[in-house]
Amino acid sequence: MSNGLHMIRLVFGDLLALQRFARAQRLPEHPFDADYVVHCALGQLFAEQAPHPFLQRARGRVVEVLGYSQQDKQSLQEHAQAYAMPEVWSLVDWNRIDSKPMPKRWPIEKRLGFYTRACPLVRGPRGHGREVETKKARPEVDAYLAHLWQKDTARPREEVYRGWLARELSRGGAAGLVQATLRGFQLKRLLRHDGDRKSRTITRPDVRFQGLLEVNDSDAFTALLTRGLGRHRAFGFGMLLLYPRRHA
């Protein structure tokens, strides 16, 4: 087992290859949820060692997946080679897998640029949303909707999401948010399986932020990178990509 945290880069075949894999897994084709398909593929390749949180993005005709893992590329490849089915193994271009060790220590007060795709959910006010998707007393809801339910005067959506982001970064005293700009927002239909393996779709906020953070605690910040932000972290949300400060 490798020590420390690694950033892993995997290159999958083109989108058609992922669609064929999804069909073989009997996943619904409409809507096609690439994040869920990548989640399934990573699970079959690497089991509990699968890189997450991860971010998948199209790069020309291939799908590139970036994720954090406690394993380096050699360990991951050896696991997949030993246990993955041939049709899943063939999804990855193993000549183009890369990994790098992340820093073991982060200087306190160091400022880092970041990019993240997140799903800003909170526990909604008791009783709200129960008739829509869940019977939970306090269901998980869009942070902006929860704000609207509780406040007479609504704040802008970006401001609400920025507050949610600041709280996530501050988990365990990890980091402080210096500034953040909303780079994208949509309500996205996500594919999920219930406990009985029946497919269903849910609608959740899909938010992209770019900004600047300041490290407050080195160990807590490494734990934050390992865990990710918010919910649905195993499905393409919550990864923090770091950049030099000048790029933020």
C-alpha atoms as a PDB file:
ATOM      1  CA  MET A   1       0.000   0.000   0.000  1.00  0.00           C
ATOM      2  CA  SER A   2       1.290   3.447  -0.896  1.00  0.00           C
ATOM      3  CA  ASN A   3       1.760   6.088   1.763  1.00  0.00           C
ATOM      4  CA  GLY A   4       0.096   9.482   1.474  1.00  0.00           C
ATOM      5  CA  LEU A   5      -2.387  10.913  -0.952  1.00  0.00           C
ATOM      6  CA  HIS A   6      -2.033  10.675  -4.725  1.00  0.00           C
ATOM      7  CA  MET A   7      -3.760  12.436  -7.585  1.00  0.00           C
ATOM      8  CA  ILE A   8      -4.618   9.848 -10.227  1.00  0.00           C
ATOM      9  CA  ARG A   9      -5.305  10.525 -13.901  1.00  0.00           C
ATOM     10  CA  LEU A  10      -7.080   7.837 -15.905  1.00  0.00           C
ATOM     11  CA  VAL A  11      -7.981   7.968 -19.581  1.00  0.00           C
ATOM     12  CA  PHE A  12     -11.062   6.017 -20.622  1.00  0.00           C
ATOM     13  CA  GLY A  13     -12.049   5.169 -24.157  1.00  0.00           C
ATOM     14  CA  ASP A  14     -14.446   7.427 -26.011  1.00  0.00           C
ATOM     15  CA  LEU A  15     -18.006   8.078 -24.877  1.00  0.00           C
ATOM     16  CA  LEU A  16     -19.281   5.244 -27.058  1.00  0.00           C
ATOM     17  CA  ALA A  17     -17.160   2.792 -25.048  1.00  0.00           C
ATOM     18  CA  LEU A  18     -18.739   4.068 -21.837  1.00  0.00           C
ATOM     19  CA  GLN A  19     -22.192   3.778 -23.389  1.00  0.00           C
ATOM     20  CA  ARG A  20     -21.513   0.171 -24.372  1.00  0.00           C
ATOM     21  CA  PHE A  21     -20.334  -0.535 -20.838  1.00  0.00           C
ATOM     22  CA  ALA A  22     -23.486   1.093 -19.419  1.00  0.00           C
ATOM     23  CA  ARG A  23     -25.643  -1.043 -21.704  1.00  0.00           C
ATOM     24  CA  ALA A  24     -23.829  -4.173 -20.554  1.00  0.00           C
ATOM     25  CA  GLN A  25     -24.511  -3.124 -16.958  1.00  0.00           C
ATOM     26  CA  ARG A  26     -28.198  -2.666 -17.850  1.00  0.00           C
ATOM     27  CA  LEU A  27     -28.108   0.967 -16.865  1.00  0.00           C
ATOM     28  CA  PRO A  28     -30.779   3.254 -18.324  1.00  0.00           C
ATOM     29  CA  GLU A  29     -29.757   4.948 -21.559  1.00  0.00           C
ATOM     30  CA  HIS A  30     -32.102   7.896 -21.016  1.00  0.00           C
ATOM     31  CA  PRO A  31     -30.896   9.908 -19.296  1.00  0.00           C
ATOM     32  CA  PHE A  32     -27.285   8.817 -19.792  1.00  0.00           C
ATOM     33  CA  ASP A  33     -25.376   9.797 -16.652  1.00  0.00           C
ATOM     34  CA  ALA A  34     -21.653   9.659 -17.480  1.00  0.00           C
ATOM     35  CA  ASP A  35     -20.697  10.345 -13.858  1.00  0.00           C
ATOM     36  CA  TYR A  36     -22.650   7.323 -12.660  1.00  0.00           C
ATOM     37  CA  VAL A  37     -21.167   5.132 -15.401  1.00  0.00           C
ATOM     38  CA  VAL A  38     -17.628   6.202 -14.439  1.00  0.00           C
ATOM     39  CA  HIS A  39     -18.504   5.510 -10.785  1.00  0.00           C
ATOM     40  CA  CYS A  40     -19.562   1.964 -11.725  1.00  0.00           C
ATOM     41  CA  ALA A  41     -16.449   1.404 -13.843  1.00  0.00           C
ATOM     42  CA  LEU A  42     -14.107   2.652 -11.094  1.00  0.00           C
ATOM     43  CA  GLY A  43     -15.823   0.384  -8.589  1.00  0.00           C
ATOM     44  CA  GLN A  44     -15.390  -2.669 -10.788  1.00  0.00           C
ATOM     45  CA  LEU A  45     -11.772  -1.804 -11.555  1.00  0.00           C
ATOM     46  CA  PHE A  46     -10.553  -0.875  -8.100  1.00  0.00           C
ATOM     47  CA  ALA A  47     -13.266  -1.805  -5.555  1.00  0.00           C
ATOM     48  CA  GLU A  48     -12.800   0.137  -2.292  1.00  0.00           C
ATOM     49  CA  GLN A  49      -9.505   1.540  -3.618  1.00  0.00           C
ATOM     50  CA  ALA A  50     -11.314   3.472  -6.363  1.00  0.00           C
ATOM     51  CA  PRO A  51     -10.171   7.106  -6.642  1.00  0.00           C
ATOM     52  CA  HIS A  52     -12.705   9.508  -5.193  1.00  0.00           C
ATOM     53  CA  PRO A  53     -13.682  12.200  -5.101  1.00  0.00           C
ATOM     54  CA  PHE A  54     -13.177  12.348  -8.838  1.00  0.00           C
ATOM     55  CA  LEU A  55     -13.844  14.702 -11.722  1.00  0.00           C
ATOM     56  CA  GLN A  56     -14.509  13.385 -15.213  1.00  0.00           C
ATOM     57  CA  ARG A  57     -14.305  15.549 -18.313  1.00  0.00           C
ATOM     58  CA  ALA A  58     -14.225  15.010 -22.061  1.00  0.00           C
ATOM     59  CA  ARG A  59     -10.852  15.620 -23.710  1.00  0.00           C
ATOM     60  CA  GLY A  60     -11.380  15.283 -27.431  1.00  0.00           C
ATOM     61  CA  ARG A  61     -12.528  11.744 -28.102  1.00  0.00           C
ATOM     62  CA  VAL A  62     -11.581  10.354 -24.690  1.00  0.00           C
ATOM     63  CA  VAL A  63     -12.899  10.743 -21.152  1.00  0.00           C
ATOM     64  CA  GLU A  64     -10.323  11.871 -18.615  1.00  0.00           C
ATOM     65  CA  VAL A  65     -10.859  11.094 -14.940  1.00  0.00           C
ATOM     66  CA  LEU A  66      -8.959  12.864 -12.161  1.00  0.00           C
ATOM     67  CA  GLY A  67      -9.284  11.594  -8.619  1.00  0.00           C
ATOM     68  CA  TYR A  68      -7.574  11.305  -5.259  1.00  0.00           C
ATOM     69  CA  SER A  69      -6.455   7.959  -3.868  1.00  0.00           C
ATOM     70  CA  GLN A  70      -4.292   6.498  -1.118  1.00  0.00           C
ATOM     71  CA  GLN A  71      -2.869   4.223  -3.853  1.00  0.00           C
ATOM     72  CA  ASP A  72      -0.368   5.074  -6.575  1.00  0.00           C
ATOM     73  CA  LYS A  73      -0.848   4.052 -10.199  1.00  0.00           C
ATOM     74  CA  GLN A  74       1.120   0.819  -9.881  1.00  0.00           C
ATOM     75  CA  SER A  75      -1.002  -0.402  -6.974  1.00  0.00           C
ATOM     76  CA  LEU A  76      -4.231   0.467  -8.744  1.00  0.00           C
ATOM     77  CA  GLN A  77      -3.154  -1.179 -11.984  1.00  0.00           C
ATOM     78  CA  GLU A  78      -2.073  -4.339 -10.185  1.00  0.00           C
ATOM     79  CA  HIS A  79      -5.436  -4.560  -8.425  1.00  0.00           C
ATOM     80  CA  ALA A  80      -7.381  -4.102 -11.658  1.00  0.00           C
ATOM     81  CA  GLN A  81      -5.164  -6.576 -13.493  1.00  0.00           C
ATOM     82  CA  ALA A  82      -5.811  -9.201 -10.846  1.00  0.00           C
ATOM     83  CA  TYR A  83      -9.563  -8.782 -10.370  1.00  0.00           C
ATOM     84  CA  ALA A  84     -11.296  -6.709 -13.069  1.00  0.00           C
ATOM     85  CA  MET A  85     -13.278  -8.360 -15.843  1.00  0.00           C
ATOM     86  CA  PRO A  86     -11.690  -8.042 -19.318  1.00  0.00           C
ATOM     87  CA  GLU A  87     -14.426  -5.783 -20.661  1.00  0.00           C
ATOM     88  CA  VAL A  88     -13.891  -3.348 -17.780  1.00  0.00           C
ATOM     89  CA  TRP A  89     -10.089  -3.533 -17.960  1.00  0.00           C
ATOM     90  CA  SER A  90     -10.247  -2.587 -21.649  1.00  0.00           C
ATOM     91  CA  LEU A  91     -12.038   0.696 -20.864  1.00  0.00           C
ATOM     92  CA  VAL A  92      -8.791   2.259 -19.590  1.00  0.00           C
ATOM     93  CA  ASP A  93      -5.791   3.260 -21.680  1.00  0.00           C
ATOM     94  CA  TRP A  94      -3.217   1.893 -19.246  1.00  0.00           C
ATOM     95  CA  ASN A  95      -0.338   3.497 -21.133  1.00  0.00           C
ATOM     96  CA  ARG A  96      -1.736   6.897 -20.200  1.00  0.00           C
ATOM     97  CA  ILE A  97      -2.442   6.438 -16.490  1.00  0.00           C
ATOM     98  CA  ASP A  98      -0.538   8.952 -14.368  1.00  0.00           C
ATOM     99  CA  SER A  99      -0.203   9.653 -10.673  1.00  0.00           C
ATOM    100  CA  LYS A 100       1.632  12.113  -8.482  1.00  0.00           C
ATOM    101  CA  PRO A 101       2.068  12.269  -4.706  1.00  0.00           C
ATOM    102  CA  MET A 102       0.381  15.230  -3.069  1.00  0.00           C
ATOM    103  CA  PRO A 103       2.329  17.301  -0.521  1.00  0.00           C
ATOM    104  CA  LYS A 104       2.532  15.749   2.932  1.00  0.00           C
ATOM    105  CA  ARG A 105       2.455  19.163   4.607  1.00  0.00           C
ATOM    106  CA  TRP A 106       0.720  22.405   3.643  1.00  0.00           C
ATOM    107  CA  PRO A 107       2.129  25.720   4.923  1.00  0.00           C
ATOM    108  CA  ILE A 108      -0.311  27.517   7.196  1.00  0.00           C
ATOM    109  CA  GLU A 109      -1.780  30.666   5.605  1.00  0.00           C
ATOM    110  CA  LYS A 110      -0.687  29.468   2.167  1.00  0.00           C
ATOM    111  CA  ARG A 111      -3.150  30.688  -0.461  1.00  0.00           C
ATOM    112  CA  LEU A 112      -4.112  28.311  -3.267  1.00  0.00           C
ATOM    113  CA  GLY A 113      -6.295  28.721  -6.307  1.00  0.00           C
ATOM    114  CA  PHE A 114      -8.956  26.051  -6.690  1.00  0.00           C
ATOM    115  CA  TYR A 115     -11.672  24.736  -8.970  1.00  0.00           C
ATOM    116  CA  THR A 116     -14.471  22.458  -7.840  1.00  0.00           C
ATOM    117  CA  ARG A 117     -17.685  20.943  -9.067  1.00  0.00           C
ATOM    118  CA  ALA A 118     -20.014  20.475  -6.123  1.00  0.00           C
ATOM    119  CA  CYS A 119     -23.540  19.508  -5.169  1.00  0.00           C
ATOM    120  CA  PRO A 120     -24.583  22.028  -2.472  1.00  0.00           C
ATOM    121  CA  LEU A 121     -27.125  20.214  -0.314  1.00  0.00           C
ATOM    122  CA  VAL A 122     -28.207  20.797   3.281  1.00  0.00           C
ATOM    123  CA  ARG A 123     -30.710  19.240   5.630  1.00  0.00           C
ATOM    124  CA  GLY A 124     -33.937  21.059   4.868  1.00  0.00           C
ATOM    125  CA  PRO A 125     -36.332  22.499   7.458  1.00  0.00           C
ATOM    126  CA  ARG A 126     -38.384  19.818   9.166  1.00  0.00           C
ATOM    127  CA  GLY A 127     -41.393  18.866   7.055  1.00  0.00           C
ATOM    128  CA  HIS A 128     -40.312  20.500   3.816  1.00  0.00           C
ATOM    129  CA  GLY A 129     -39.974  18.354   0.716  1.00  0.00           C
ATOM    130  CA  ARG A 130     -41.453  15.237   2.301  1.00  0.00           C
ATOM    131  CA  GLU A 131     -44.156  14.916  -0.311  1.00  0.00           C
ATOM    132  CA  VAL A 132     -41.687  15.224  -3.204  1.00  0.00           C
ATOM    133  CA  GLU A 133     -38.881  12.653  -3.008  1.00  0.00           C
ATOM    134  CA  THR A 134     -38.451  11.296   0.489  1.00  0.00           C
ATOM    135  CA  LYS A 135     -40.195  10.494   3.725  1.00  0.00           C
ATOM    136  CA  LYS A 136     -37.257  11.675   5.825  1.00  0.00           C
ATOM    137  CA  ALA A 137     -38.170  14.201   8.478  1.00  0.00           C
ATOM    138  CA  ARG A 138     -35.340  16.496   7.359  1.00  0.00           C
ATOM    139  CA  PRO A 139     -34.535  15.630   3.746  1.00  0.00           C
ATOM    140  CA  GLU A 140     -31.415  16.743   1.893  1.00  0.00           C
ATOM    141  CA  VAL A 141     -32.351  19.681  -0.311  1.00  0.00           C
ATOM    142  CA  ASP A 142     -30.705  22.303  -2.474  1.00  0.00           C
ATOM    143  CA  ALA A 143     -29.038  24.815  -0.135  1.00  0.00           C
ATOM    144  CA  TYR A 144     -30.702  27.645  -2.036  1.00  0.00           C
ATOM    145  CA  LEU A 145     -34.199  26.166  -1.618  1.00  0.00           C
ATOM    146  CA  ALA A 146     -33.582  25.669   2.090  1.00  0.00           C
ATOM    147  CA  HIS A 147     -32.585  29.327   2.298  1.00  0.00           C
ATOM    148  CA  LEU A 148     -35.788  30.413   0.545  1.00  0.00           C
ATOM    149  CA  TRP A 149     -37.933  28.370   2.915  1.00  0.00           C
ATOM    150  CA  GLN A 150     -36.382  29.960   5.991  1.00  0.00           C
ATOM    151  CA  LYS A 151     -35.829  33.594   4.985  1.00  0.00           C
ATOM    152  CA  ASP A 152     -38.302  36.341   4.178  1.00  0.00           C
ATOM    153  CA  THR A 153     -35.769  38.174   2.010  1.00  0.00           C
ATOM    154  CA  ALA A 154     -33.932  35.994  -0.471  1.00  0.00           C
ATOM    155  CA  ARG A 155     -30.225  36.390  -1.111  1.00  0.00           C
ATOM    156  CA  PRO A 156     -28.783  35.699  -4.586  1.00  0.00           C
ATOM    157  CA  ARG A 157     -28.227  32.035  -5.391  1.00  0.00           C
ATOM    158  CA  GLU A 158     -24.472  32.570  -5.869  1.00  0.00           C
ATOM    159  CA  GLU A 159     -24.176  34.148  -2.429  1.00  0.00           C
ATOM    160  CA  VAL A 160     -25.999  31.236  -0.775  1.00  0.00           C
ATOM    161  CA  TYR A 161     -23.829  28.677  -2.541  1.00  0.00           C
ATOM    162  CA  ARG A 162     -20.699  30.639  -1.646  1.00  0.00           C
ATOM    163  CA  GLY A 163     -21.677  30.457   2.023  1.00  0.00           C
ATOM    164  CA  TRP A 164     -22.185  26.700   1.689  1.00  0.00           C
ATOM    165  CA  LEU A 165     -18.738  26.395   0.069  1.00  0.00           C
ATOM    166  CA  ALA A 166     -17.098  28.376   2.864  1.00  0.00           C
ATOM    167  CA  ARG A 167     -18.599  26.032   5.457  1.00  0.00           C
ATOM    168  CA  GLU A 168     -17.374  22.954   3.593  1.00  0.00           C
ATOM    169  CA  LEU A 169     -13.829  24.302   3.281  1.00  0.00           C
ATOM    170  CA  SER A 170     -13.747  25.093   6.994  1.00  0.00           C
ATOM    171  CA  ARG A 171     -14.473  21.489   8.086  1.00  0.00           C
ATOM    172  CA  GLY A 172     -12.116  20.622  10.900  1.00  0.00           C
ATOM    173  CA  GLY A 173     -10.528  24.048  10.531  1.00  0.00           C
ATOM    174  CA  ALA A 174      -9.028  22.994   7.172  1.00  0.00           C
ATOM    175  CA  ALA A 175      -9.194  26.199   5.141  1.00  0.00           C
ATOM    176  CA  GLY A 176     -10.808  29.578   4.785  1.00  0.00           C
ATOM    177  CA  LEU A 177     -12.497  30.856   1.656  1.00  0.00           C
ATOM    178  CA  VAL A 178     -10.848  34.050   0.373  1.00  0.00           C
ATOM    179  CA  GLN A 179     -12.939  34.506  -2.753  1.00  0.00           C
ATOM    180  CA  ALA A 180     -14.981  32.394  -5.142  1.00  0.00           C
ATOM    181  CA  THR A 181     -16.759  32.979  -8.444  1.00  0.00           C
ATOM    182  CA  LEU A 182     -19.635  30.868  -9.705  1.00  0.00           C
ATOM    183  CA  ARG A 183     -18.510  29.431 -13.058  1.00  0.00           C
ATOM    184  CA  GLY A 184     -21.554  27.323 -13.800  1.00  0.00           C
ATOM    185  CA  PHE A 185     -24.910  26.179 -12.452  1.00  0.00           C
ATOM    186  CA  GLN A 186     -27.563  23.763 -13.616  1.00  0.00           C
ATOM    187  CA  LEU A 187     -30.181  21.477 -12.148  1.00  0.00           C
ATOM    188  CA  LYS A 188     -28.991  18.057 -13.232  1.00  0.00           C
ATOM    189  CA  ARG A 189     -30.829  14.754 -13.392  1.00  0.00           C
ATOM    190  CA  LEU A 190     -28.703  12.102 -11.688  1.00  0.00           C
ATOM    191  CA  LEU A 191     -29.075   8.349 -11.991  1.00  0.00           C
ATOM    192  CA  ARG A 192     -29.140   6.334  -8.776  1.00  0.00           C
ATOM    193  CA  HIS A 193     -30.024   2.802  -7.663  1.00  0.00           C
ATOM    194  CA  ASP A 194     -32.263   2.062  -4.701  1.00  0.00           C
ATOM    195  CA  GLY A 195     -31.495  -0.705  -2.237  1.00  0.00           C
ATOM    196  CA  ASP A 196     -33.398  -3.175  -4.399  1.00  0.00           C
ATOM    197  CA  ARG A 197     -31.254  -2.077  -7.395  1.00  0.00           C
ATOM    198  CA  LYS A 198     -34.117  -0.352  -9.163  1.00  0.00           C
ATOM    199  CA  SER A 199     -32.998   2.693 -11.155  1.00  0.00           C
ATOM    200  CA  ARG A 200     -34.376   6.134 -10.435  1.00  0.00           C
ATOM    201  CA  THR A 201     -33.460   9.697 -11.274  1.00  0.00           C
ATOM    202  CA  ILE A 202     -33.119  12.588  -8.865  1.00  0.00           C
ATOM    203  CA  THR A 203     -32.595  16.278  -9.585  1.00  0.00           C
ATOM    204  CA  ARG A 204     -29.781  18.052  -7.780  1.00  0.00           C
ATOM    205  CA  PRO A 205     -27.849  21.335  -8.131  1.00  0.00           C
ATOM    206  CA  ASP A 206     -24.636  21.033 -10.158  1.00  0.00           C
ATOM    207  CA  VAL A 207     -22.390  23.991  -9.276  1.00  0.00           C
ATOM    208  CA  ARG A 208     -18.883  24.928 -10.417  1.00  0.00           C
ATOM    209  CA  PHE A 209     -16.726  27.362  -8.474  1.00  0.00           C
ATOM    210  CA  GLN A 210     -13.293  28.825  -9.065  1.00  0.00           C
ATOM    211  CA  GLY A 211     -11.566  30.843  -6.404  1.00  0.00           C
ATOM    212  CA  LEU A 212      -8.924  31.271  -3.758  1.00  0.00           C
ATOM    213  CA  LEU A 213      -8.576  29.564  -0.368  1.00  0.00           C
ATOM    214  CA  GLU A 214      -6.186  29.838   2.543  1.00  0.00           C
ATOM    215  CA  VAL A 215      -4.865  26.790   4.393  1.00  0.00           C
ATOM    216  CA  ASN A 216      -5.529  26.937   8.142  1.00  0.00           C
ATOM    217  CA  ASP A 217      -4.481  23.436   9.217  1.00  0.00           C
ATOM    218  CA  SER A 218      -2.229  21.098   7.232  1.00  0.00           C
ATOM    219  CA  ASP A 219      -3.624  17.733   8.402  1.00  0.00           C
ATOM    220  CA  ALA A 220      -7.222  18.912   8.190  1.00  0.00           C
ATOM    221  CA  PHE A 221      -6.618  20.232   4.676  1.00  0.00           C
ATOM    222  CA  THR A 222      -5.211  16.881   3.519  1.00  0.00           C
ATOM    223  CA  ALA A 223      -8.254  15.205   5.077  1.00  0.00           C
ATOM    224  CA  LEU A 224     -10.483  17.633   3.184  1.00  0.00           C
ATOM    225  CA  LEU A 225      -8.829  16.775  -0.133  1.00  0.00           C
ATOM    226  CA  THR A 226      -9.221  13.077   0.660  1.00  0.00           C
ATOM    227  CA  ARG A 227     -12.884  13.396   1.612  1.00  0.00           C
ATOM    228  CA  GLY A 228     -14.044  16.077  -0.827  1.00  0.00           C
ATOM    229  CA  LEU A 229     -16.822  18.630  -0.537  1.00  0.00           C
ATOM    230  CA  GLY A 230     -20.493  18.023   0.045  1.00  0.00           C
ATOM    231  CA  ARG A 231     -22.564  15.073  -1.093  1.00  0.00           C
ATOM    232  CA  HIS A 232     -22.374  12.652  -4.063  1.00  0.00           C
ATOM    233  CA  ARG A 233     -18.586  12.625  -3.794  1.00  0.00           C
ATOM    234  CA  ALA A 234     -18.335   9.157  -5.343  1.00  0.00           C
ATOM    235  CA  PHE A 235     -20.292  10.365  -8.381  1.00  0.00           C
ATOM    236  CA  GLY A 236     -18.191  13.172  -9.824  1.00  0.00           C
ATOM    237  CA  PHE A 237     -18.773  15.922  -7.249  1.00  0.00           C
ATOM    238  CA  GLY A 238     -16.652  17.449  -4.529  1.00  0.00           C
ATOM    239  CA  MET A 239     -13.094  17.191  -5.845  1.00  0.00           C
ATOM    240  CA  LEU A 240     -10.807  20.161  -5.164  1.00  0.00           C
ATOM    241  CA  LEU A 241      -8.407  20.861  -8.017  1.00  0.00           C
ATOM    242  CA  LEU A 242      -5.618  23.147  -6.861  1.00  0.00           C
ATOM    243  CA  TYR A 243      -3.809  25.801  -8.887  1.00  0.00           C
ATOM    244  CA  PRO A 244      -1.079  28.367  -8.236  1.00  0.00           C
ATOM    245  CA  ARG A 245      -2.571  31.490  -6.724  1.00  0.00           C
ATOM    246  CA  ARG A 246      -2.099  33.540  -9.897  1.00  0.00           C
ATOM    247  CA  HIS A 247      -4.579  31.268 -11.747  1.00  0.00           C
ATOM    248  CA  ALA A 248      -7.452  31.798  -9.331  1.00  0.00           C
END
